Amino acid sequence: MNNDASEIQINKILDTDITGVVLYNYLGQKIKSWDTGFNDRYNSLPVSVATGVYIVQINTSDGVVNKKLFIERK
């Protein structure tokens, strides 16, 4: 997460296809989802959320990856 630019940055493994990305708040509520535009090795997804803890779910051709994000707005 790049807080200065308000974007999530995803670096894709070369032989893996990303099929979708979902951002959840800590309560499990879906905040935003992205379904297209993952053809590049480096992907930046714009977000505008408040300070807090979030979960990013990355759906790939090999399975699902979940990562916890700490976002702090100043």
Protein backbone atom coordinates (compact mmCIF):
# COMPACT_ATOMS: atom_id res chain seq x y z
CA MET A 1 0.00 0.00 0.00
CA ASN A 2 1.39 3.37 -0.96
CA ASN A 3 -0.33 5.81 1.42
CA ASP A 4 1.14 8.86 -0.29
CA ALA A 5 -0.47 7.95 -3.60
CA SER A 6 -3.60 6.23 -2.18
CA GLU A 7 -3.12 3.04 -4.13
CA ILE A 8 -2.56 -0.66 -3.60
CA GLN A 9 0.44 -1.94 -5.52
CA ILE A 10 0.47 -5.58 -6.63
CA ASN A 11 3.53 -7.25 -8.13
CA LYS A 12 2.39 -10.26 -10.14
CA ILE A 13 4.39 -13.48 -10.53
CA LEU A 14 5.07 -13.98 -14.23
CA ASP A 15 3.23 -17.28 -14.75
CA THR A 16 0.21 -16.43 -12.55
CA ASP A 17 -2.97 -14.76 -13.80
CA ILE A 18 -4.80 -12.43 -11.40
CA THR A 19 -8.55 -12.82 -11.88
CA GLY A 20 -9.73 -10.30 -9.29
CA VAL A 21 -8.90 -8.26 -6.21
CA VAL A 22 -11.29 -7.45 -3.35
CA LEU A 23 -10.75 -5.01 -0.46
CA TYR A 24 -12.56 -5.77 2.83
CA ASN A 25 -12.71 -3.80 6.06
CA TYR A 26 -11.84 -5.52 9.34
CA LEU A 27 -15.51 -6.47 9.85
CA GLY A 28 -15.52 -8.43 6.58
CA GLN A 29 -17.59 -5.93 4.60
CA LYS A 30 -16.62 -5.55 0.96
CA ILE A 31 -15.30 -2.04 0.32
CA LYS A 32 -14.16 -2.25 -3.31
CA SER A 33 -13.43 -4.84 -5.98
CA TRP A 34 -11.46 -4.90 -9.23
CA ASP A 35 -12.06 -7.51 -11.94
CA THR A 36 -10.00 -6.39 -14.92
CA GLY A 37 -6.72 -4.76 -15.89
CA PHE A 38 -4.17 -7.18 -14.42
CA ASN A 39 -2.14 -7.81 -17.58
CA ASP A 40 0.96 -5.96 -16.37
CA ARG A 41 3.61 -7.32 -14.01
CA TYR A 42 3.12 -4.30 -11.70
CA ASN A 43 -0.45 -3.16 -10.98
CA SER A 44 -1.62 -0.09 -9.05
CA LEU A 45 -5.20 -0.01 -7.80
CA PRO A 46 -6.61 3.34 -6.61
CA VAL A 47 -8.27 3.41 -3.18
CA SER A 48 -9.73 6.10 -0.97
CA VAL A 49 -10.45 4.74 2.50
CA ALA A 50 -10.18 5.92 6.10
CA THR A 51 -7.48 4.97 8.59
CA GLY A 52 -7.85 1.38 9.71
CA VAL A 53 -7.07 -2.28 9.12
CA TYR A 54 -8.15 -3.84 5.82
CA ILE A 55 -7.87 -7.23 4.13
CA VAL A 56 -6.93 -7.53 0.46
CA GLN A 57 -8.01 -10.75 -1.24
CA ILE A 58 -6.16 -11.51 -4.48
CA ASN A 59 -7.77 -14.20 -6.62
CA THR A 60 -5.33 -15.91 -8.99
CA SER A 61 -5.26 -18.87 -11.33
CA ASP A 62 -3.33 -20.76 -8.61
CA GLY A 63 -5.61 -19.92 -5.67
CA VAL A 64 -6.44 -17.10 -3.27
CA VAL A 65 -4.03 -14.87 -1.32
CA ASN A 66 -5.19 -12.73 1.63
CA LYS A 67 -3.05 -9.91 3.04
CA LYS A 68 -3.68 -7.56 5.95
CA LEU A 69 -3.13 -3.83 5.34
CA PHE A 70 -2.69 -1.09 7.89
CA ILE A 71 -3.72 2.25 6.41
CA GLU A 72 -2.93 5.46 8.23
CA ARG A 73 -4.14 8.83 6.95
CA LYS A 74 -2.43 11.95 8.18
